Amino acid sequence: MKTRQSPAKDRPTDNQPAWKRRLYTVIFESNTPGGKAFDVSLLVAIGLSVTVVMLESVTAIQAEHAVLLRTLEWTFTGLFTIEYIARLLCVRRPRQYALSFYGIIDLVAILPSFISLFTSANYVMVIRVLRLLRVFRVLKLAHFLEESDTLTTALRASRRKIMVFIFTVVAVVFVMGTLMYLIEGEANGFNSIPHSVYWAIVTLTTVGYGDITPQTTLGRFVASLIMIMGYGIIAVPTGIFSMELRQAAKARDARVCVNCETVESDRAARFCRRCGKPFV
């Protein structure tokens, strides 16, 4: 299991208490026995907590094991609260961590349970939403994925290309939907342009609910073209993201030769391909 390392800027300085540095090592660094044990324990707790939330939504299980599920929920809430406080205590800048993506996820994982204590029982829907929000604890798994940084880098690099592609797809959907409205008309279920655009989206994404179907020969021909286009549309963003992901992975594994400053992206390389000096 590759875990995500915390940035060096979060690590406590040497003049800070020794207990804080030891706590930081256990929580944020997985290359020690204590760190590995903490990571595995937290992974198990996250998995079990999300399972409890899912089981609570099953009426029969909730009715029979309500006390047990509630006890388990507050046990996990207590564990995650202690973990959140410990993370704030051991990082160099607690406020910066609390406002970071991972800090917010840690807070969201425990907040719904505490808010439900102060919510009136009459607001059943509010309580239900708060309980379901606990499923976001699964996002805490991002703490343990070193590859999440690579994925984020690839998404950022490909966002402009993907946005241009999405705008193109939206334009195609509006044109095709309007065209089908003119061809089929209200008599065949295409009773408005928005309704026809909805049909075009369903068809282009190859979902095909079947609630609206073209009846004319020309309409079916246009529908066939949209279906064929759908396969290509699925492949385009996948190719864009895959290319950026490959570049991001290369950049992550890249090393620089201290002698000639040549960048080497091959992780297995032991010597510089230009000057022959070994990599440090």
C-alpha atoms as a PDB file:
ATOM      1  CA  MET A   1       0.000   0.000   0.000  1.00  0.00           C
ATOM      2  CA  LYS A   2       1.524   3.287  -1.088  1.00  0.00           C
ATOM      3  CA  THR A   3       0.600   6.086   1.266  1.00  0.00           C
ATOM      4  CA  ARG A   4       0.513   9.759   0.641  1.00  0.00           C
ATOM      5  CA  GLN A   5       3.351  11.619   2.330  1.00  0.00           C
ATOM      6  CA  SER A   6       2.621  14.953   3.984  1.00  0.00           C
ATOM      7  CA  PRO A   7       4.583  17.935   2.619  1.00  0.00           C
ATOM      8  CA  ALA A   8       7.790  18.836   4.447  1.00  0.00           C
ATOM      9  CA  LYS A   9       6.352  22.265   5.294  1.00  0.00           C
ATOM     10  CA  ASP A  10       3.827  20.557   7.613  1.00  0.00           C
ATOM     11  CA  ARG A  11       6.500  18.701   9.588  1.00  0.00           C
ATOM     12  CA  PRO A  12       7.221  20.116  13.074  1.00  0.00           C
ATOM     13  CA  THR A  13      10.536  21.942  13.471  1.00  0.00           C
ATOM     14  CA  ASP A  14      13.367  20.656  15.651  1.00  0.00           C
ATOM     15  CA  ASN A  15      12.684  23.268  18.323  1.00  0.00           C
ATOM     16  CA  GLN A  16       9.119  22.030  18.813  1.00  0.00           C
ATOM     17  CA  PRO A  17       8.325  19.379  21.480  1.00  0.00           C
ATOM     18  CA  ALA A  18       9.595  15.858  20.841  1.00  0.00           C
ATOM     19  CA  TRP A  19       6.127  14.360  21.407  1.00  0.00           C
ATOM     20  CA  LYS A  20       4.774  16.437  18.541  1.00  0.00           C
ATOM     21  CA  ARG A  21       7.459  15.150  16.159  1.00  0.00           C
ATOM     22  CA  ARG A  22       6.834  11.548  17.237  1.00  0.00           C
ATOM     23  CA  LEU A  23       3.080  11.975  16.804  1.00  0.00           C
ATOM     24  CA  TYR A  24       3.615  13.488  13.358  1.00  0.00           C
ATOM     25  CA  THR A  25       5.784  10.518  12.351  1.00  0.00           C
ATOM     26  CA  VAL A  26       3.088   8.035  13.367  1.00  0.00           C
ATOM     27  CA  ILE A  27       0.188   9.886  11.713  1.00  0.00           C
ATOM     28  CA  PHE A  28       1.710  11.243   8.509  1.00  0.00           C
ATOM     29  CA  GLU A  29       4.644   8.968   7.691  1.00  0.00           C
ATOM     30  CA  SER A  30       4.066   5.318   6.810  1.00  0.00           C
ATOM     31  CA  ASN A  31       7.688   4.188   6.593  1.00  0.00           C
ATOM     32  CA  THR A  32       7.795   3.298  10.289  1.00  0.00           C
ATOM     33  CA  PRO A  33       6.131   0.369  12.120  1.00  0.00           C
ATOM     34  CA  GLY A  34       3.979   2.786  14.112  1.00  0.00           C
ATOM     35  CA  GLY A  35       2.985   4.693  10.997  1.00  0.00           C
ATOM     36  CA  LYS A  36       2.033   1.523   9.135  1.00  0.00           C
ATOM     37  CA  ALA A  37      -0.019   0.265  12.089  1.00  0.00           C
ATOM     38  CA  PHE A  38      -1.823   3.618  12.307  1.00  0.00           C
ATOM     39  CA  ASP A  39      -2.597   3.642   8.576  1.00  0.00           C
ATOM     40  CA  VAL A  40      -3.952   0.083   8.570  1.00  0.00           C
ATOM     41  CA  SER A  41      -6.056   0.709  11.689  1.00  0.00           C
ATOM     42  CA  LEU A  42      -7.517   3.872  10.224  1.00  0.00           C
ATOM     43  CA  LEU A  43      -8.306   2.148   6.922  1.00  0.00           C
ATOM     44  CA  VAL A  44     -10.204  -0.572   8.786  1.00  0.00           C
ATOM     45  CA  ALA A  45     -12.077   2.031  10.861  1.00  0.00           C
ATOM     46  CA  ILE A  46     -13.091   3.983   7.744  1.00  0.00           C
ATOM     47  CA  GLY A  47     -14.344   0.834   6.019  1.00  0.00           C
ATOM     48  CA  LEU A  48     -16.338  -0.316   9.044  1.00  0.00           C
ATOM     49  CA  SER A  49     -17.769   3.165   9.629  1.00  0.00           C
ATOM     50  CA  VAL A  50     -19.049   3.466   6.064  1.00  0.00           C
ATOM     51  CA  THR A  51     -20.511  -0.055   6.380  1.00  0.00           C
ATOM     52  CA  VAL A  52     -22.427   1.032   9.496  1.00  0.00           C
ATOM     53  CA  VAL A  53     -23.857   4.040   7.637  1.00  0.00           C
ATOM     54  CA  MET A  54     -24.994   1.763   4.798  1.00  0.00           C
ATOM     55  CA  LEU A  55     -26.576  -0.763   7.175  1.00  0.00           C
ATOM     56  CA  GLU A  56     -28.496   2.022   8.926  1.00  0.00           C
ATOM     57  CA  SER A  57     -30.336   2.687   5.676  1.00  0.00           C
ATOM     58  CA  VAL A  58     -31.730  -0.881   5.657  1.00  0.00           C
ATOM     59  CA  THR A  59     -35.026  -0.685   7.574  1.00  0.00           C
ATOM     60  CA  ALA A  60     -35.016  -4.276   8.845  1.00  0.00           C
ATOM     61  CA  ILE A  61     -31.430  -4.089  10.163  1.00  0.00           C
ATOM     62  CA  GLN A  62     -32.008  -0.636  11.670  1.00  0.00           C
ATOM     63  CA  ALA A  63     -35.104  -1.835  13.536  1.00  0.00           C
ATOM     64  CA  GLU A  64     -33.396  -4.922  14.966  1.00  0.00           C
ATOM     65  CA  HIS A  65     -29.927  -3.544  15.732  1.00  0.00           C
ATOM     66  CA  ALA A  66     -30.555   0.168  16.306  1.00  0.00           C
ATOM     67  CA  VAL A  67     -28.666   0.315  19.624  1.00  0.00           C
ATOM     68  CA  LEU A  68     -25.658  -1.579  18.280  1.00  0.00           C
ATOM     69  CA  LEU A  69     -25.425   0.560  15.149  1.00  0.00           C
ATOM     70  CA  ARG A  70     -25.736   3.750  17.191  1.00  0.00           C
ATOM     71  CA  THR A  71     -23.032   2.574  19.594  1.00  0.00           C
ATOM     72  CA  LEU A  72     -20.697   1.707  16.732  1.00  0.00           C
ATOM     73  CA  GLU A  73     -21.379   5.056  15.071  1.00  0.00           C
ATOM     74  CA  TRP A  74     -20.423   7.035  18.156  1.00  0.00           C
ATOM     75  CA  THR A  75     -17.382   4.818  18.685  1.00  0.00           C
ATOM     76  CA  PHE A  76     -16.125   5.642  15.199  1.00  0.00           C
ATOM     77  CA  THR A  77     -17.034   9.300  15.645  1.00  0.00           C
ATOM     78  CA  GLY A  78     -14.961   9.376  18.823  1.00  0.00           C
ATOM     79  CA  LEU A  79     -11.996   7.716  17.090  1.00  0.00           C
ATOM     80  CA  PHE A  80     -12.112  10.107  14.127  1.00  0.00           C
ATOM     81  CA  THR A  81     -12.459  13.088  16.483  1.00  0.00           C
ATOM     82  CA  ILE A  82      -9.323  12.038  18.359  1.00  0.00           C
ATOM     83  CA  GLU A  83      -7.527  11.526  15.056  1.00  0.00           C
ATOM     84  CA  TYR A  84      -8.584  14.986  13.807  1.00  0.00           C
ATOM     85  CA  ILE A  85      -7.400  16.688  16.999  1.00  0.00           C
ATOM     86  CA  ALA A  86      -4.121  14.744  16.868  1.00  0.00           C
ATOM     87  CA  ARG A  87      -3.497  15.881  13.297  1.00  0.00           C
ATOM     88  CA  LEU A  88      -4.060  19.507  14.292  1.00  0.00           C
ATOM     89  CA  LEU A  89      -1.757  19.154  17.278  1.00  0.00           C
ATOM     90  CA  CYS A  90       1.214  17.671  15.422  1.00  0.00           C
ATOM     91  CA  VAL A  91       1.352  19.750  12.222  1.00  0.00           C
ATOM     92  CA  ARG A  92       3.390  22.936  12.099  1.00  0.00           C
ATOM     93  CA  ARG A  93       0.462  25.128  10.982  1.00  0.00           C
ATOM     94  CA  PRO A  94      -2.844  23.754  12.379  1.00  0.00           C
ATOM     95  CA  ARG A  95      -5.000  26.472  10.779  1.00  0.00           C
ATOM     96  CA  GLN A  96      -3.538  25.790   7.333  1.00  0.00           C
ATOM     97  CA  TYR A  97      -4.198  22.064   7.673  1.00  0.00           C
ATOM     98  CA  ALA A  98      -7.760  22.656   8.942  1.00  0.00           C
ATOM     99  CA  LEU A  99      -8.549  24.700   5.824  1.00  0.00           C
ATOM    100  CA  SER A 100      -6.888  22.248   3.422  1.00  0.00           C
ATOM    101  CA  PHE A 101      -8.827  19.660   1.407  1.00  0.00           C
ATOM    102  CA  TYR A 102      -7.855  16.791   3.704  1.00  0.00           C
ATOM    103  CA  GLY A 103      -8.542  18.848   6.823  1.00  0.00           C
ATOM    104  CA  ILE A 104     -12.052  19.686   5.608  1.00  0.00           C
ATOM    105  CA  ILE A 105     -12.710  16.017   4.800  1.00  0.00           C
ATOM    106  CA  ASP A 106     -11.586  15.044   8.308  1.00  0.00           C
ATOM    107  CA  LEU A 107     -13.982  17.617   9.782  1.00  0.00           C
ATOM    108  CA  VAL A 108     -16.916  16.565   7.574  1.00  0.00           C
ATOM    109  CA  ALA A 109     -16.357  12.976   8.731  1.00  0.00           C
ATOM    110  CA  ILE A 110     -17.231  13.857  12.337  1.00  0.00           C
ATOM    111  CA  LEU A 111     -19.392  16.989  12.143  1.00  0.00           C
ATOM    112  CA  PRO A 112     -22.768  15.409  11.114  1.00  0.00           C
ATOM    113  CA  SER A 113     -22.892  13.205  14.219  1.00  0.00           C
ATOM    114  CA  PHE A 114     -22.373  16.160  16.552  1.00  0.00           C
ATOM    115  CA  ILE A 115     -24.808  18.409  14.667  1.00  0.00           C
ATOM    116  CA  SER A 116     -27.529  15.739  14.936  1.00  0.00           C
ATOM    117  CA  LEU A 117     -27.353  16.084  18.734  1.00  0.00           C
ATOM    118  CA  PHE A 118     -28.608  19.654  18.515  1.00  0.00           C
ATOM    119  CA  THR A 119     -31.230  19.072  15.794  1.00  0.00           C
ATOM    120  CA  SER A 120     -34.881  18.743  16.728  1.00  0.00           C
ATOM    121  CA  ALA A 121     -36.349  15.276  16.173  1.00  0.00           C
ATOM    122  CA  ASN A 122     -39.148  16.877  14.157  1.00  0.00           C
ATOM    123  CA  TYR A 123     -36.750  17.624  11.319  1.00  0.00           C
ATOM    124  CA  VAL A 124     -36.531  14.036  10.096  1.00  0.00           C
ATOM    125  CA  MET A 125     -35.183  14.965   6.661  1.00  0.00           C
ATOM    126  CA  VAL A 126     -32.424  17.116   8.165  1.00  0.00           C
ATOM    127  CA  ILE A 127     -31.316  14.264  10.421  1.00  0.00           C
ATOM    128  CA  ARG A 128     -31.390  11.835   7.504  1.00  0.00           C
ATOM    129  CA  VAL A 129     -29.215  14.140   5.387  1.00  0.00           C
ATOM    130  CA  LEU A 130     -26.745  14.566   8.255  1.00  0.00           C
ATOM    131  CA  ARG A 131     -26.503  10.805   8.680  1.00  0.00           C
ATOM    132  CA  LEU A 132     -25.942  10.249   4.992  1.00  0.00           C
ATOM    133  CA  LEU A 133     -23.197  12.886   4.993  1.00  0.00           C
ATOM    134  CA  ARG A 134     -21.138  10.514   7.114  1.00  0.00           C
ATOM    135  CA  VAL A 135     -20.568   8.396   4.022  1.00  0.00           C
ATOM    136  CA  PHE A 136     -18.093  11.100   2.995  1.00  0.00           C
ATOM    137  CA  ARG A 137     -15.719   9.435   5.432  1.00  0.00           C
ATOM    138  CA  VAL A 138     -14.745   7.268   2.503  1.00  0.00           C
ATOM    139  CA  LEU A 139     -12.947  10.345   1.137  1.00  0.00           C
ATOM    140  CA  LYS A 140     -10.563  10.067   4.077  1.00  0.00           C
ATOM    141  CA  LEU A 141      -8.999   7.226   2.114  1.00  0.00           C
ATOM    142  CA  ALA A 142      -7.368   9.907  -0.034  1.00  0.00           C
ATOM    143  CA  HIS A 143      -4.946  10.408   2.860  1.00  0.00           C
ATOM    144  CA  PHE A 144      -3.419   7.059   2.004  1.00  0.00           C
ATOM    145  CA  LEU A 145      -3.108   7.315  -1.762  1.00  0.00           C
ATOM    146  CA  GLU A 146       0.180   8.686  -3.016  1.00  0.00           C
ATOM    147  CA  GLU A 147      -1.225   8.402  -6.547  1.00  0.00           C
ATOM    148  CA  SER A 148      -3.979  10.918  -5.684  1.00  0.00           C
ATOM    149  CA  ASP A 149      -1.460  13.715  -6.250  1.00  0.00           C
ATOM    150  CA  THR A 150      -0.668  12.318  -9.703  1.00  0.00           C
ATOM    151  CA  LEU A 151      -4.369  12.091 -10.567  1.00  0.00           C
ATOM    152  CA  THR A 152      -4.953  15.654  -9.375  1.00  0.00           C
ATOM    153  CA  THR A 153      -2.046  16.922 -11.475  1.00  0.00           C
ATOM    154  CA  ALA A 154      -3.375  15.122 -14.556  1.00  0.00           C
ATOM    155  CA  LEU A 155      -6.895  16.502 -14.033  1.00  0.00           C
ATOM    156  CA  ARG A 156      -5.584  20.038 -13.689  1.00  0.00           C
ATOM    157  CA  ALA A 157      -3.448  19.699 -16.808  1.00  0.00           C
ATOM    158  CA  SER A 158      -6.322  18.324 -18.897  1.00  0.00           C
ATOM    159  CA  ARG A 159      -9.137  20.531 -17.583  1.00  0.00           C
ATOM    160  CA  ARG A 160      -8.985  23.086 -20.435  1.00  0.00           C
ATOM    161  CA  LYS A 161      -9.027  20.440 -23.145  1.00  0.00           C
ATOM    162  CA  ILE A 162     -11.858  18.591 -21.452  1.00  0.00           C
ATOM    163  CA  MET A 163     -13.850  21.826 -20.976  1.00  0.00           C
ATOM    164  CA  VAL A 164     -13.517  22.655 -24.688  1.00  0.00           C
ATOM    165  CA  PHE A 165     -14.645  19.125 -25.465  1.00  0.00           C
ATOM    166  CA  ILE A 166     -17.650  19.424 -23.128  1.00  0.00           C
ATOM    167  CA  PHE A 167     -18.719  22.710 -24.727  1.00  0.00           C
ATOM    168  CA  THR A 168     -18.509  21.015 -28.135  1.00  0.00           C
ATOM    169  CA  VAL A 169     -20.664  18.129 -26.920  1.00  0.00           C
ATOM    170  CA  VAL A 170     -23.216  20.560 -25.477  1.00  0.00           C
ATOM    171  CA  ALA A 171     -23.402  22.364 -28.825  1.00  0.00           C
ATOM    172  CA  VAL A 172     -23.876  19.056 -30.670  1.00  0.00           C
ATOM    173  CA  VAL A 173     -26.621  18.012 -28.256  1.00  0.00           C
ATOM    174  CA  PHE A 174     -28.533  21.275 -28.735  1.00  0.00           C
ATOM    175  CA  VAL A 175     -28.239  21.087 -32.527  1.00  0.00           C
ATOM    176  CA  MET A 176     -29.282  17.437 -32.680  1.00  0.00           C
ATOM    177  CA  GLY A 177     -32.128  17.952 -30.216  1.00  0.00           C
ATOM    178  CA  THR A 178     -33.493  20.879 -32.217  1.00  0.00           C
ATOM    179  CA  LEU A 179     -33.134  18.892 -35.438  1.00  0.00           C
ATOM    180  CA  MET A 180     -35.080  15.966 -34.003  1.00  0.00           C
ATOM    181  CA  TYR A 181     -37.801  18.332 -32.796  1.00  0.00           C
ATOM    182  CA  LEU A 182     -38.209  19.568 -36.367  1.00  0.00           C
ATOM    183  CA  ILE A 183     -38.117  16.068 -37.863  1.00  0.00           C
ATOM    184  CA  GLU A 184     -40.324  14.155 -35.391  1.00  0.00           C
ATOM    185  CA  GLY A 185     -42.516  16.880 -33.901  1.00  0.00           C
ATOM    186  CA  GLU A 186     -44.990  16.707 -31.053  1.00  0.00           C
ATOM    187  CA  ALA A 187     -46.913  13.846 -32.641  1.00  0.00           C
ATOM    188  CA  ASN A 188     -44.021  11.433 -31.981  1.00  0.00           C
ATOM    189  CA  GLY A 189     -43.222  12.542 -28.428  1.00  0.00           C
ATOM    190  CA  PHE A 190     -40.736  15.329 -29.217  1.00  0.00           C
ATOM    191  CA  ASN A 191     -43.086  17.978 -27.859  1.00  0.00           C
ATOM    192  CA  SER A 192     -40.490  20.689 -27.136  1.00  0.00           C
ATOM    193  CA  ILE A 193     -36.847  21.543 -27.811  1.00  0.00           C
ATOM    194  CA  PRO A 194     -35.768  20.931 -24.162  1.00  0.00           C
ATOM    195  CA  HIS A 195     -37.485  17.535 -24.294  1.00  0.00           C
ATOM    196  CA  SER A 196     -35.711  16.760 -27.562  1.00  0.00           C
ATOM    197  CA  VAL A 197     -32.361  17.906 -26.122  1.00  0.00           C
ATOM    198  CA  TYR A 198     -32.925  15.520 -23.200  1.00  0.00           C
ATOM    199  CA  TRP A 199     -33.461  12.708 -25.718  1.00  0.00           C
ATOM    200  CA  ALA A 200     -30.261  13.714 -27.529  1.00  0.00           C
ATOM    201  CA  ILE A 201     -28.251  13.573 -24.279  1.00  0.00           C
ATOM    202  CA  VAL A 202     -29.634  10.144 -23.386  1.00  0.00           C
ATOM    203  CA  THR A 203     -28.897   8.856 -26.890  1.00  0.00           C
ATOM    204  CA  LEU A 204     -25.454  10.425 -27.236  1.00  0.00           C
ATOM    205  CA  THR A 205     -24.300   8.941 -23.933  1.00  0.00           C
ATOM    206  CA  THR A 206     -25.576   5.519 -25.134  1.00  0.00           C
ATOM    207  CA  VAL A 207     -27.883   5.238 -22.097  1.00  0.00           C
ATOM    208  CA  GLY A 208     -31.091   4.913 -24.109  1.00  0.00           C
ATOM    209  CA  TYR A 209     -33.979   4.914 -21.624  1.00  0.00           C
ATOM    210  CA  GLY A 210     -36.485   4.339 -24.401  1.00  0.00           C
ATOM    211  CA  ASP A 211     -39.092   6.740 -23.040  1.00  0.00           C
ATOM    212  CA  ILE A 212     -38.885   8.715 -26.311  1.00  0.00           C
ATOM    213  CA  THR A 213     -38.164   7.019 -29.633  1.00  0.00           C
ATOM    214  CA  PRO A 214     -38.071   8.381 -33.212  1.00  0.00           C
ATOM    215  CA  GLN A 215     -40.811   7.068 -35.463  1.00  0.00           C
ATOM    216  CA  THR A 216     -39.860   8.441 -38.869  1.00  0.00           C
ATOM    217  CA  THR A 217     -37.187   6.996 -41.154  1.00  0.00           C
ATOM    218  CA  LEU A 218     -35.190  10.234 -41.186  1.00  0.00           C
ATOM    219  CA  GLY A 219     -35.441  10.502 -37.402  1.00  0.00           C
ATOM    220  CA  ARG A 220     -34.115   6.983 -36.951  1.00  0.00           C
ATOM    221  CA  PHE A 221     -31.244   7.728 -39.326  1.00  0.00           C
ATOM    222  CA  VAL A 222     -30.281  10.816 -37.305  1.00  0.00           C
ATOM    223  CA  ALA A 223     -30.603   8.786 -34.090  1.00  0.00           C
ATOM    224  CA  SER A 224     -28.238   6.159 -35.518  1.00  0.00           C
ATOM    225  CA  LEU A 225     -25.653   8.853 -36.274  1.00  0.00           C
ATOM    226  CA  ILE A 226     -25.928  10.189 -32.713  1.00  0.00           C
ATOM    227  CA  MET A 227     -25.446   6.691 -31.277  1.00  0.00           C
ATOM    228  CA  ILE A 228     -22.302   6.135 -33.352  1.00  0.00           C
ATOM    229  CA  MET A 229     -20.995   9.552 -32.285  1.00  0.00           C
ATOM    230  CA  GLY A 230     -21.572   8.543 -28.668  1.00  0.00           C
ATOM    231  CA  TYR A 231     -18.878   5.856 -28.768  1.00  0.00           C
ATOM    232  CA  GLY A 232     -16.316   8.327 -30.025  1.00  0.00           C
ATOM    233  CA  ILE A 233     -17.334  10.946 -27.489  1.00  0.00           C
ATOM    234  CA  ILE A 234     -16.712   8.503 -24.640  1.00  0.00           C
ATOM    235  CA  ALA A 235     -13.200   7.769 -25.935  1.00  0.00           C
ATOM    236  CA  VAL A 236     -12.016  11.368 -26.423  1.00  0.00           C
ATOM    237  CA  PRO A 237     -11.888  12.570 -22.769  1.00  0.00           C
ATOM    238  CA  THR A 238     -10.452   9.207 -21.746  1.00  0.00           C
ATOM    239  CA  GLY A 239      -7.584   9.671 -24.207  1.00  0.00           C
ATOM    240  CA  ILE A 240      -6.970  13.263 -23.086  1.00  0.00           C
ATOM    241  CA  PHE A 241      -6.825  12.302 -19.416  1.00  0.00           C
ATOM    242  CA  SER A 242      -4.712   9.189 -20.073  1.00  0.00           C
ATOM    243  CA  MET A 243      -2.091  11.261 -21.901  1.00  0.00           C
ATOM    244  CA  GLU A 244      -1.898  13.820 -19.089  1.00  0.00           C
ATOM    245  CA  LEU A 245      -1.799  11.044 -16.494  1.00  0.00           C
ATOM    246  CA  ARG A 246       1.174   9.475 -18.245  1.00  0.00           C
ATOM    247  CA  GLN A 247       2.977  12.825 -18.313  1.00  0.00           C
ATOM    248  CA  ALA A 248       2.220  13.421 -14.634  1.00  0.00           C
ATOM    249  CA  ALA A 249       3.508   9.959 -13.711  1.00  0.00           C
ATOM    250  CA  LYS A 250       6.730  10.620 -15.623  1.00  0.00           C
ATOM    251  CA  ALA A 251       7.172  13.954 -13.872  1.00  0.00           C
ATOM    252  CA  ARG A 252       6.644  12.307 -10.483  1.00  0.00           C
ATOM    253  CA  ASP A 253       9.282   9.661 -11.136  1.00  0.00           C
ATOM    254  CA  ALA A 254      11.741  12.041 -12.788  1.00  0.00           C
ATOM    255  CA  ARG A 255      15.233  12.444 -11.348  1.00  0.00           C
ATOM    256  CA  VAL A 256      17.856  15.045 -12.174  1.00  0.00           C
ATOM    257  CA  CYS A 257      21.507  14.210 -12.641  1.00  0.00           C
ATOM    258  CA  VAL A 258      23.615  16.353 -10.278  1.00  0.00           C
ATOM    259  CA  ASN A 259      26.474  16.343 -12.786  1.00  0.00           C
ATOM    260  CA  CYS A 260      24.850  17.412 -16.092  1.00  0.00           C
ATOM    261  CA  GLU A 261      21.280  18.205 -14.892  1.00  0.00           C
ATOM    262  CA  THR A 262      19.720  15.743 -17.351  1.00  0.00           C
ATOM    263  CA  VAL A 263      16.162  14.754 -16.417  1.00  0.00           C
ATOM    264  CA  GLU A 264      15.584  10.997 -16.324  1.00  0.00           C
ATOM    265  CA  SER A 265      11.992   9.688 -16.127  1.00  0.00           C
ATOM    266  CA  ASP A 266      12.880   5.978 -16.044  1.00  0.00           C
ATOM    267  CA  ARG A 267      12.618   4.870 -12.428  1.00  0.00           C
ATOM    268  CA  ALA A 268      14.782   1.801 -13.045  1.00  0.00           C
ATOM    269  CA  ALA A 269      17.700   3.820 -14.444  1.00  0.00           C
ATOM    270  CA  ARG A 270      20.756   3.763 -12.183  1.00  0.00           C
ATOM    271  CA  PHE A 271      23.073   5.884 -14.317  1.00  0.00           C
ATOM    272  CA  CYS A 272      22.639   9.088 -16.289  1.00  0.00           C
ATOM    273  CA  ARG A 273      22.114   8.374 -19.996  1.00  0.00           C
ATOM    274  CA  ARG A 274      24.159  11.455 -20.970  1.00  0.00           C
ATOM    275  CA  CYS A 275      27.210  11.542 -18.696  1.00  0.00           C
ATOM    276  CA  GLY A 276      27.097   8.049 -17.194  1.00  0.00           C
ATOM    277  CA  LYS A 277      27.273   9.240 -13.602  1.00  0.00           C
ATOM    278  CA  PRO A 278      25.230   7.227 -11.057  1.00  0.00           C
ATOM    279  CA  PHE A 279      22.050   8.783  -9.658  1.00  0.00           C
ATOM    280  CA  VAL A 280      22.280   9.698  -6.007  1.00  0.00           C
END
